[in-house]
C-alpha atoms as a PDB file:
ATOM      1  CA  MET A   1     144.284   9.400-135.821  1.00  0.00           C
ATOM      2  CA  PHE A   2     143.929   5.626-136.023  1.00  0.00           C
ATOM      3  CA  LEU A   3     142.143   5.952-139.382  1.00  0.00           C
ATOM      4  CA  ASN A   4     145.263   7.248-141.095  1.00  0.00           C
ATOM      5  CA  SER A   5     147.525   4.642-139.533  1.00  0.00           C
ATOM      6  CA  VAL A   6     145.311   1.826-140.782  1.00  0.00           C
ATOM      7  CA  ARG A   7     144.892   3.261-144.257  1.00  0.00           C
ATOM      8  CA  VAL A   8     148.478   2.783-145.377  1.00  0.00           C
ATOM      9  CA  VAL A   9     148.901  -0.868-144.383  1.00  0.00           C
ATOM     10  CA  MET A  10     145.528  -2.457-145.114  1.00  0.00           C
ATOM     11  CA  PRO A  11     145.059  -4.315-148.430  1.00  0.00           C
ATOM     12  CA  VAL A  12     142.246  -3.004-150.599  1.00  0.00           C
ATOM     13  CA  TRP A  13     139.845  -5.860-149.900  1.00  0.00           C
ATOM     14  CA  VAL A  14     140.123  -5.305-146.141  1.00  0.00           C
ATOM     15  CA  ILE A  15     139.359  -1.614-146.602  1.00  0.00           C
ATOM     16  CA  PHE A  16     136.187  -2.448-148.499  1.00  0.00           C
ATOM     17  CA  VAL A  17     135.041  -5.185-146.136  1.00  0.00           C
ATOM     18  CA  TYR A  18     135.797  -3.496-142.826  1.00  0.00           C
ATOM     19  CA  GLN A  19     137.490  -0.143-142.725  1.00  0.00           C
ATOM     20  CA  VAL A  20     135.421   1.834-145.232  1.00  0.00           C
ATOM     21  CA  PRO A  21     132.085   0.975-143.601  1.00  0.00           C
ATOM     22  CA  HIS A  22     133.587   1.867-140.213  1.00  0.00           C
ATOM     23  CA  VAL A  23     134.849   5.229-141.446  1.00  0.00           C
ATOM     24  CA  PHE A  24     131.541   5.783-143.246  1.00  0.00           C
ATOM     25  CA  LEU A  25     129.839   5.743-139.854  1.00  0.00           C
ATOM     26  CA  LEU A  26     132.477   7.908-138.203  1.00  0.00           C
ATOM     27  CA  LEU A  27     132.101  10.501-140.945  1.00  0.00           C
ATOM     28  CA  GLY A  28     128.410  10.910-140.347  1.00  0.00           C
ATOM     29  CA  GLY A  29     127.203   8.398-142.906  1.00  0.00           C
ATOM     30  CA  SER A  30     128.474  10.449-145.844  1.00  0.00           C
ATOM     31  CA  PHE A  31     129.644   8.473-148.880  1.00  0.00           C
ATOM     32  CA  LYS A  32     131.318  11.614-150.223  1.00  0.00           C
ATOM     33  CA  ARG A  33     133.410  12.178-147.099  1.00  0.00           C
ATOM     34  CA  CYS A  34     134.374   8.496-146.935  1.00  0.00           C
ATOM     35  CA  PHE A  35     135.401   8.509-150.616  1.00  0.00           C
ATOM     36  CA  ASP A  36     137.379  11.730-150.168  1.00  0.00           C
ATOM     37  CA  VAL A  37     139.371  10.321-147.242  1.00  0.00           C
ATOM     38  CA  TYR A  38     140.263   6.945-148.712  1.00  0.00           C
ATOM     39  CA  PHE A  39     140.401   7.368-152.454  1.00  0.00           C
ATOM     40  CA  LEU A  40     141.194  11.029-153.081  1.00  0.00           C
ATOM     41  CA  GLY A  41     143.485  11.477-150.087  1.00  0.00           C
ATOM     42  CA  ILE A  42     141.711  14.661-149.034  1.00  0.00           C
ATOM     43  CA  GLU A  43     142.398  15.656-145.443  1.00  0.00           C
ATOM     44  CA  LEU A  44     139.124  16.680-143.846  1.00  0.00           C
ATOM     45  CA  VAL A  45     138.523  18.879-140.839  1.00  0.00           C
ATOM     46  CA  PHE A  46     136.661  16.962-138.158  1.00  0.00           C
ATOM     47  CA  ALA A  47     133.756  18.748-136.493  1.00  0.00           C
ATOM     48  CA  THR A  48     133.788  18.403-132.712  1.00  0.00           C
ATOM     49  CA  GLY A  49     130.716  19.021-130.604  1.00  0.00           C
ATOM     50  CA  HIS A  50     131.983  20.799-127.479  1.00  0.00           C
ATOM     51  CA  ARG A  51     130.420  19.203-124.399  1.00  0.00           C
ATOM     52  CA  GLY A  52     127.928  17.721-126.828  1.00  0.00           C
ATOM     53  CA  ALA A  53     126.094  20.723-128.253  1.00  0.00           C
ATOM     54  CA  ALA A  54     126.564  23.138-125.384  1.00  0.00           C
ATOM     55  CA  ALA A  55     124.857  26.150-126.952  1.00  0.00           C
ATOM     56  CA  LEU A  56     121.843  24.111-128.050  1.00  0.00           C
ATOM     57  CA  GLU A  57     121.280  21.614-125.224  1.00  0.00           C
ATOM     58  CA  PRO A  58     122.413  21.157-121.609  1.00  0.00           C
ATOM     59  CA  GLU A  59     126.150  20.567-121.732  1.00  0.00           C
ATOM     60  CA  ASN A  60     127.716  17.172-121.094  1.00  0.00           C
ATOM     61  CA  THR A  61     124.345  15.404-121.120  1.00  0.00           C
ATOM     62  CA  LEU A  62     123.140  12.446-123.144  1.00  0.00           C
ATOM     63  CA  ARG A  63     120.569  14.723-124.729  1.00  0.00           C
ATOM     64  CA  GLY A  64     123.256  17.158-125.891  1.00  0.00           C
ATOM     65  CA  ILE A  65     125.518  14.396-127.159  1.00  0.00           C
ATOM     66  CA  GLN A  66     122.705  12.787-129.120  1.00  0.00           C
ATOM     67  CA  ARG A  67     121.805  16.169-130.618  1.00  0.00           C
ATOM     68  CA  ALA A  68     125.388  16.697-131.785  1.00  0.00           C
ATOM     69  CA  ILE A  69     125.501  13.245-133.369  1.00  0.00           C
ATOM     70  CA  GLU A  70     122.238  13.918-135.192  1.00  0.00           C
ATOM     71  CA  ILE A  71     123.676  17.208-136.482  1.00  0.00           C
ATOM     72  CA  GLY A  72     126.550  15.255-138.001  1.00  0.00           C
ATOM     73  CA  VAL A  73     129.690  15.840-135.934  1.00  0.00           C
ATOM     74  CA  ASP A  74     132.727  13.590-136.234  1.00  0.00           C
ATOM     75  CA  GLN A  75     133.783  13.928-132.590  1.00  0.00           C
ATOM     76  CA  ILE A  76     132.212  14.671-129.227  1.00  0.00           C
ATOM     77  CA  GLU A  77     134.196  16.401-126.480  1.00  0.00           C
ATOM     78  CA  ILE A  78     133.270  15.680-122.862  1.00  0.00           C
ATOM     79  CA  ASP A  79     134.831  16.183-119.403  1.00  0.00           C
ATOM     80  CA  VAL A  80     135.254  13.676-116.582  1.00  0.00           C
ATOM     81  CA  HIS A  81     135.514  13.941-112.804  1.00  0.00           C
ATOM     82  CA  LEU A  82     135.492  11.369-110.016  1.00  0.00           C
ATOM     83  CA  THR A  83     132.776  11.412-107.372  1.00  0.00           C
ATOM     84  CA  LYS A  84     133.401  10.937-103.667  1.00  0.00           C
ATOM     85  CA  ASP A  85     132.802   7.207-104.082  1.00  0.00           C
ATOM     86  CA  GLY A  86     135.013   6.828-107.154  1.00  0.00           C
ATOM     87  CA  LYS A  87     132.473   6.944-110.000  1.00  0.00           C
ATOM     88  CA  LEU A  88     133.431   8.655-113.263  1.00  0.00           C
ATOM     89  CA  VAL A  89     130.864  11.288-114.143  1.00  0.00           C
ATOM     90  CA  VAL A  90     130.687  13.570-117.157  1.00  0.00           C
ATOM     91  CA  ILE A  91     130.703  17.170-115.965  1.00  0.00           C
ATOM     92  CA  HIS A  92     132.958  20.143-116.654  1.00  0.00           C
ATOM     93  CA  ASP A  93     133.293  22.125-113.432  1.00  0.00           C
ATOM     94  CA  GLU A  94     134.769  21.086-110.106  1.00  0.00           C
ATOM     95  CA  THR A  95     131.373  21.893-108.584  1.00  0.00           C
ATOM     96  CA  VAL A  96     127.841  21.032-109.670  1.00  0.00           C
ATOM     97  CA  ASP A  97     126.600  24.594-109.043  1.00  0.00           C
ATOM     98  CA  ARG A  98     126.668  26.042-112.558  1.00  0.00           C
ATOM     99  CA  THR A  99     125.283  23.129-114.575  1.00  0.00           C
ATOM    100  CA  THR A 100     122.799  21.548-112.147  1.00  0.00           C
ATOM    101  CA  ASN A 101     120.279  22.577-109.490  1.00  0.00           C
ATOM    102  CA  GLY A 102     122.632  21.325-106.783  1.00  0.00           C
ATOM    103  CA  HIS A 103     125.523  22.680-104.777  1.00  0.00           C
ATOM    104  CA  GLY A 104     128.929  21.304-103.838  1.00  0.00           C
ATOM    105  CA  ARG A 105     132.186  19.903-105.172  1.00  0.00           C
ATOM    106  CA  VAL A 106     131.944  16.832-107.359  1.00  0.00           C
ATOM    107  CA  ARG A 107     134.651  14.996-105.431  1.00  0.00           C
ATOM    108  CA  GLU A 108     132.811  15.647-102.154  1.00  0.00           C
ATOM    109  CA  LEU A 109     129.465  14.300-103.380  1.00  0.00           C
ATOM    110  CA  SER A 110     128.473  10.674-103.851  1.00  0.00           C
ATOM    111  CA  PHE A 111     127.319   9.370-107.205  1.00  0.00           C
ATOM    112  CA  GLU A 112     123.821   8.919-105.789  1.00  0.00           C
ATOM    113  CA  GLU A 113     123.741  12.565-104.680  1.00  0.00           C
ATOM    114  CA  ILE A 114     124.914  13.814-108.077  1.00  0.00           C
ATOM    115  CA  ARG A 115     122.565  11.468-109.892  1.00  0.00           C
ATOM    116  CA  GLY A 116     119.609  13.061-108.140  1.00  0.00           C
ATOM    117  CA  LEU A 117     120.354  16.492-109.613  1.00  0.00           C
ATOM    118  CA  ASP A 118     118.792  18.096-112.670  1.00  0.00           C
ATOM    119  CA  ALA A 119     121.466  18.883-115.273  1.00  0.00           C
ATOM    120  CA  GLY A 120     118.986  20.800-117.446  1.00  0.00           C
ATOM    121  CA  LYS A 121     115.742  19.877-119.215  1.00  0.00           C
ATOM    122  CA  GLY A 122     115.336  16.963-116.850  1.00  0.00           C
ATOM    123  CA  GLU A 123     118.696  15.410-117.778  1.00  0.00           C
ATOM    124  CA  VAL A 124     120.924  13.713-115.215  1.00  0.00           C
ATOM    125  CA  VAL A 125     124.699  13.915-114.988  1.00  0.00           C
ATOM    126  CA  PRO A 126     125.774  10.863-117.026  1.00  0.00           C
ATOM    127  CA  THR A 127     128.588   8.427-116.392  1.00  0.00           C
ATOM    128  CA  LEU A 128     131.393   7.861-118.882  1.00  0.00           C
ATOM    129  CA  ARG A 129     130.031   4.361-119.478  1.00  0.00           C
ATOM    130  CA  GLU A 130     126.641   5.744-120.411  1.00  0.00           C
ATOM    131  CA  VAL A 131     128.200   8.172-122.874  1.00  0.00           C
ATOM    132  CA  ILE A 132     130.238   5.405-124.503  1.00  0.00           C
ATOM    133  CA  ASP A 133     127.096   3.275-124.788  1.00  0.00           C
ATOM    134  CA  LEU A 134     125.195   6.142-126.407  1.00  0.00           C
ATOM    135  CA  VAL A 135     127.986   7.014-128.839  1.00  0.00           C
ATOM    136  CA  ASP A 136     128.299   3.336-129.820  1.00  0.00           C
ATOM    137  CA  GLY A 137     131.219   3.969-132.166  1.00  0.00           C
ATOM    138  CA  ARG A 138     129.347   6.509-134.268  1.00  0.00           C
ATOM    139  CA  VAL A 139     131.801   9.310-133.477  1.00  0.00           C
ATOM    140  CA  ILE A 140     135.203   9.715-131.871  1.00  0.00           C
ATOM    141  CA  LEU A 141     134.976  10.526-128.170  1.00  0.00           C
ATOM    142  CA  GLN A 142     137.356  13.228-126.966  1.00  0.00           C
ATOM    143  CA  VAL A 143     137.657  12.942-123.191  1.00  0.00           C
ATOM    144  CA  GLU A 144     139.131  15.807-121.207  1.00  0.00           C
ATOM    145  CA  LEU A 145     140.651  14.643-117.928  1.00  0.00           C
ATOM    146  CA  LYS A 146     139.439  17.362-115.551  1.00  0.00           C
ATOM    147  CA  GLY A 147     139.511  15.979-112.033  1.00  0.00           C
ATOM    148  CA  VAL A 148     142.787  15.090-110.350  1.00  0.00           C
ATOM    149  CA  GLY A 149     143.416  11.351-110.279  1.00  0.00           C
ATOM    150  CA  VAL A 150     140.932  10.352-112.998  1.00  0.00           C
ATOM    151  CA  GLU A 151     143.525   8.818-115.307  1.00  0.00           C
ATOM    152  CA  ALA A 152     143.554   5.192-114.140  1.00  0.00           C
ATOM    153  CA  GLU A 153     139.783   4.828-113.901  1.00  0.00           C
ATOM    154  CA  THR A 154     139.197   6.512-117.268  1.00  0.00           C
ATOM    155  CA  VAL A 155     141.716   4.242-118.979  1.00  0.00           C
ATOM    156  CA  ALA A 156     140.159   1.216-117.267  1.00  0.00           C
ATOM    157  CA  VAL A 157     136.671   2.118-118.504  1.00  0.00           C
ATOM    158  CA  VAL A 158     137.665   2.587-122.155  1.00  0.00           C
ATOM    159  CA  GLU A 159     139.668  -0.637-122.054  1.00  0.00           C
ATOM    160  CA  GLU A 160     136.825  -2.589-120.499  1.00  0.00           C
ATOM    161  CA  MET A 161     134.330  -1.226-123.032  1.00  0.00           C
ATOM    162  CA  GLY A 162     136.623  -1.904-125.989  1.00  0.00           C
ATOM    163  CA  VAL A 163     136.884   1.660-127.291  1.00  0.00           C
ATOM    164  CA  VAL A 164     140.609   2.370-126.906  1.00  0.00           C
ATOM    165  CA  ASP A 165     140.911   3.125-130.627  1.00  0.00           C
ATOM    166  CA  GLY A 166     137.831   5.355-130.635  1.00  0.00           C
ATOM    167  CA  VAL A 167     138.866   7.889-127.999  1.00  0.00           C
ATOM    168  CA  VAL A 168     141.254  10.802-127.603  1.00  0.00           C
ATOM    169  CA  PHE A 169     142.283  11.946-124.132  1.00  0.00           C
ATOM    170  CA  SER A 170     143.146  15.594-123.522  1.00  0.00           C
ATOM    171  CA  SER A 171     144.097  17.681-120.513  1.00  0.00           C
ATOM    172  CA  PHE A 172     145.591  20.950-119.345  1.00  0.00           C
ATOM    173  CA  ARG A 173     147.433  18.810-116.800  1.00  0.00           C
ATOM    174  CA  HIS A 174     150.061  17.441-119.155  1.00  0.00           C
ATOM    175  CA  PRO A 175     151.599  14.960-116.678  1.00  0.00           C
ATOM    176  CA  ALA A 176     148.179  13.278-116.617  1.00  0.00           C
ATOM    177  CA  LEU A 177     148.591  12.486-120.309  1.00  0.00           C
ATOM    178  CA  LYS A 178     151.983  10.909-119.642  1.00  0.00           C
ATOM    179  CA  THR A 179     150.293   8.766-117.004  1.00  0.00           C
ATOM    180  CA  VAL A 180     147.741   7.684-119.605  1.00  0.00           C
ATOM    181  CA  LYS A 181     150.529   6.675-121.994  1.00  0.00           C
ATOM    182  CA  ASP A 182     152.206   4.676-119.222  1.00  0.00           C
ATOM    183  CA  LEU A 183     148.925   2.857-118.613  1.00  0.00           C
ATOM    184  CA  ASN A 184     148.098   2.263-122.268  1.00  0.00           C
ATOM    185  CA  PRO A 185     150.338   3.595-125.072  1.00  0.00           C
ATOM    186  CA  ARG A 186     147.606   2.952-127.663  1.00  0.00           C
ATOM    187  CA  ILE A 187     145.362   5.719-126.355  1.00  0.00           C
ATOM    188  CA  GLU A 188     145.756   8.880-128.402  1.00  0.00           C
ATOM    189  CA  THR A 189     146.326  12.067-126.409  1.00  0.00           C
ATOM    190  CA  GLY A 190     146.430  15.806-126.988  1.00  0.00           C
ATOM    191  CA  VAL A 191     147.765  18.657-124.857  1.00  0.00           C
ATOM    192  CA  LEU A 192     145.471  21.578-124.057  1.00  0.00           C
ATOM    193  CA  PHE A 193     146.808  25.052-123.357  1.00  0.00           C
ATOM    194  CA  LEU A 194     145.206  28.426-122.638  1.00  0.00           C
ATOM    195  CA  CYS A 195     147.972  30.699-123.891  1.00  0.00           C
ATOM    196  CA  ARG A 196     150.443  30.431-126.750  1.00  0.00           C
ATOM    197  CA  PRO A 197     153.658  28.837-125.456  1.00  0.00           C
ATOM    198  CA  MET A 198     157.022  29.559-127.033  1.00  0.00           C
ATOM    199  CA  ALA A 199     157.123  25.977-128.337  1.00  0.00           C
ATOM    200  CA  PRO A 200     153.594  24.502-128.338  1.00  0.00           C
ATOM    201  CA  CYS A 201     154.593  21.322-130.144  1.00  0.00           C
ATOM    202  CA  ARG A 202     157.267  20.593-127.543  1.00  0.00           C
ATOM    203  CA  LEU A 203     154.520  20.343-124.914  1.00  0.00           C
ATOM    204  CA  ALA A 204     153.032  17.432-126.828  1.00  0.00           C
ATOM    205  CA  LEU A 205     156.301  15.729-127.658  1.00  0.00           C
ATOM    206  CA  ASP A 206     157.461  15.870-124.033  1.00  0.00           C
ATOM    207  CA  VAL A 207     154.514  13.700-122.914  1.00  0.00           C
ATOM    208  CA  ASP A 208     154.357  11.488-126.041  1.00  0.00           C
ATOM    209  CA  ALA A 209     151.081  13.080-127.152  1.00  0.00           C
ATOM    210  CA  GLU A 210     149.938  12.907-130.762  1.00  0.00           C
ATOM    211  CA  ALA A 211     148.284  16.312-130.915  1.00  0.00           C
ATOM    212  CA  ILE A 212     148.134  19.868-129.675  1.00  0.00           C
ATOM    213  CA  HIS A 213     144.758  21.357-128.691  1.00  0.00           C
ATOM    214  CA  PRO A 214     145.185  25.150-128.789  1.00  0.00           C
ATOM    215  CA  HIS A 215     142.563  27.811-128.200  1.00  0.00           C
ATOM    216  CA  VAL A 216     141.362  29.220-131.512  1.00  0.00           C
ATOM    217  CA  SER A 217     142.780  32.672-130.750  1.00  0.00           C
ATOM    218  CA  PHE A 218     146.328  31.294-131.016  1.00  0.00           C
ATOM    219  CA  VAL A 219     145.921  29.184-134.148  1.00  0.00           C
ATOM    220  CA  ASP A 220     147.605  30.285-137.353  1.00  0.00           C
ATOM    221  CA  ARG A 221     149.009  28.598-140.419  1.00  0.00           C
ATOM    222  CA  ASP A 222     152.559  28.552-139.057  1.00  0.00           C
ATOM    223  CA  MET A 223     151.501  26.676-135.928  1.00  0.00           C
ATOM    224  CA  VAL A 224     149.637  24.100-137.989  1.00  0.00           C
ATOM    225  CA  LEU A 225     152.489  23.611-140.454  1.00  0.00           C
ATOM    226  CA  GLU A 226     155.003  23.138-137.632  1.00  0.00           C
ATOM    227  CA  ALA A 227     152.758  20.613-135.888  1.00  0.00           C
ATOM    228  CA  HIS A 228     152.194  18.638-139.075  1.00  0.00           C
ATOM    229  CA  ARG A 229     155.917  18.686-139.855  1.00  0.00           C
ATOM    230  CA  LEU A 230     156.485  17.011-136.498  1.00  0.00           C
ATOM    231  CA  GLY A 231     153.707  14.479-137.063  1.00  0.00           C
ATOM    232  CA  LEU A 232     151.254  16.120-134.671  1.00  0.00           C
ATOM    233  CA  LYS A 233     147.584  16.863-135.231  1.00  0.00           C
ATOM    234  CA  VAL A 234     145.961  20.187-134.366  1.00  0.00           C
ATOM    235  CA  ARG A 235     142.518  20.175-132.773  1.00  0.00           C
ATOM    236  CA  ALA A 236     141.433  23.723-131.994  1.00  0.00           C
ATOM    237  CA  TRP A 237     138.819  24.849-129.486  1.00  0.00           C
ATOM    238  CA  ASN A 238     136.276  26.531-129.653  1.00  0.00           C
ATOM    239  CA  SER A 239     134.571  28.772-132.198  1.00  0.00           C
ATOM    240  CA  ASP A 240     130.895  29.651-132.468  1.00  0.00           C
ATOM    241  CA  ASP A 241     131.394  32.300-135.154  1.00  0.00           C
ATOM    242  CA  LEU A 242     130.951  31.322-138.804  1.00  0.00           C
ATOM    243  CA  GLU A 243     133.606  33.662-140.207  1.00  0.00           C
ATOM    244  CA  GLU A 244     136.143  32.571-137.618  1.00  0.00           C
ATOM    245  CA  MET A 245     135.342  28.934-138.398  1.00  0.00           C
ATOM    246  CA  LYS A 246     136.168  29.551-142.067  1.00  0.00           C
ATOM    247  CA  ARG A 247     139.489  31.178-141.136  1.00  0.00           C
ATOM    248  CA  LEU A 248     140.448  28.297-138.887  1.00  0.00           C
ATOM    249  CA  ILE A 249     139.511  25.650-141.436  1.00  0.00           C
ATOM    250  CA  GLY A 250     141.736  27.500-143.903  1.00  0.00           C
ATOM    251  CA  THR A 251     144.783  27.045-141.666  1.00  0.00           C
ATOM    252  CA  GLY A 252     144.692  23.286-142.223  1.00  0.00           C
ATOM    253  CA  ILE A 253     143.726  22.206-138.706  1.00  0.00           C
ATOM    254  CA  ASP A 254     142.624  18.617-138.217  1.00  0.00           C
ATOM    255  CA  ALA A 255     139.603  19.282-136.000  1.00  0.00           C
ATOM    256  CA  LEU A 256     137.629  22.210-134.661  1.00  0.00           C
ATOM    257  CA  GLY A 257     135.376  22.335-131.628  1.00  0.00           C
ATOM    258  CA  SER A 258     132.217  24.378-131.231  1.00  0.00           C
ATOM    259  CA  ASN A 259     129.273  24.871-128.907  1.00  0.00           C
ATOM    260  CA  ARG A 260     127.289  25.354-132.136  1.00  0.00           C
ATOM    261  CA  PRO A 261     127.971  22.142-134.029  1.00  0.00           C
ATOM    262  CA  ASP A 262     125.117  22.971-136.393  1.00  0.00           C
ATOM    263  CA  LEU A 263     127.029  25.995-137.690  1.00  0.00           C
ATOM    264  CA  LEU A 264     130.342  24.150-137.719  1.00  0.00           C
ATOM    265  CA  VAL A 265     129.091  21.190-139.747  1.00  0.00           C
ATOM    266  CA  LYS A 266     127.591  23.562-142.316  1.00  0.00           C
ATOM    267  CA  ALA A 267     130.833  25.552-142.507  1.00  0.00           C
ATOM    268  CA  ILE A 268     132.902  22.433-143.160  1.00  0.00           C
ATOM    269  CA  GLN A 269     130.470  21.039-145.701  1.00  0.00           C
ATOM    270  CA  ALA A 270     130.429  24.354-147.563  1.00  0.00           C
ATOM    271  CA  LEU A 271     134.204  24.285-147.974  1.00  0.00           C
ATOM    272  CA  GLU A 272     134.581  20.647-148.994  1.00  0.00           C
END
């Protein structure tokens, strides 16, 4: 991540004046975690709130994202689609049926139509801009490119809002990540996959991605060691089981996603 790349070239006074306070915020306001990263060289597992805090609040809503931040996550994972009129909205499915009181495909509905739906507990479907505003640099934003053709607009939004170094783009559509790199090589990317490929790291290297994002059922120590040997990070998704979380943390992964960020944060803190 950008934190590590900065750490090795910054003089000490710059770290104290700028970088340490910045990382302090990203690590949930914990002096211990900040000290561990910069002065003890301890590699920490980042807690990722999947779709905000999907098991605790309506998924992919501002309410859920705020809840995850308050719990103390390091990253928030969200999904983006384009509406019929070209607006980037934060929603997982191709349709609004499961997560709202509406019906229809996201790409066939206008932003105004989607905005009028209830996404749970009175929440609306937010835009990517609204999520970035809410996050306000407090956590890393992991953006999954769901809808076809969202790459250019998503890159444009993060550039315009000045958060290129505070986001990670991921996708099951690996060519989409290559498109992102063509648009802006500074944006960090990670390849998602549902099964265990013969050469998972090759999937990332082929599209110039910096990370692999495997499902937790395929993660083991050998996969992590191979990825790290090749300079890749491993961000696993998703576990809501405390014992499984402990196993995964023990493999040396860089980040772990969960619909229960409350359990995940406690698991990581207990092992630090």
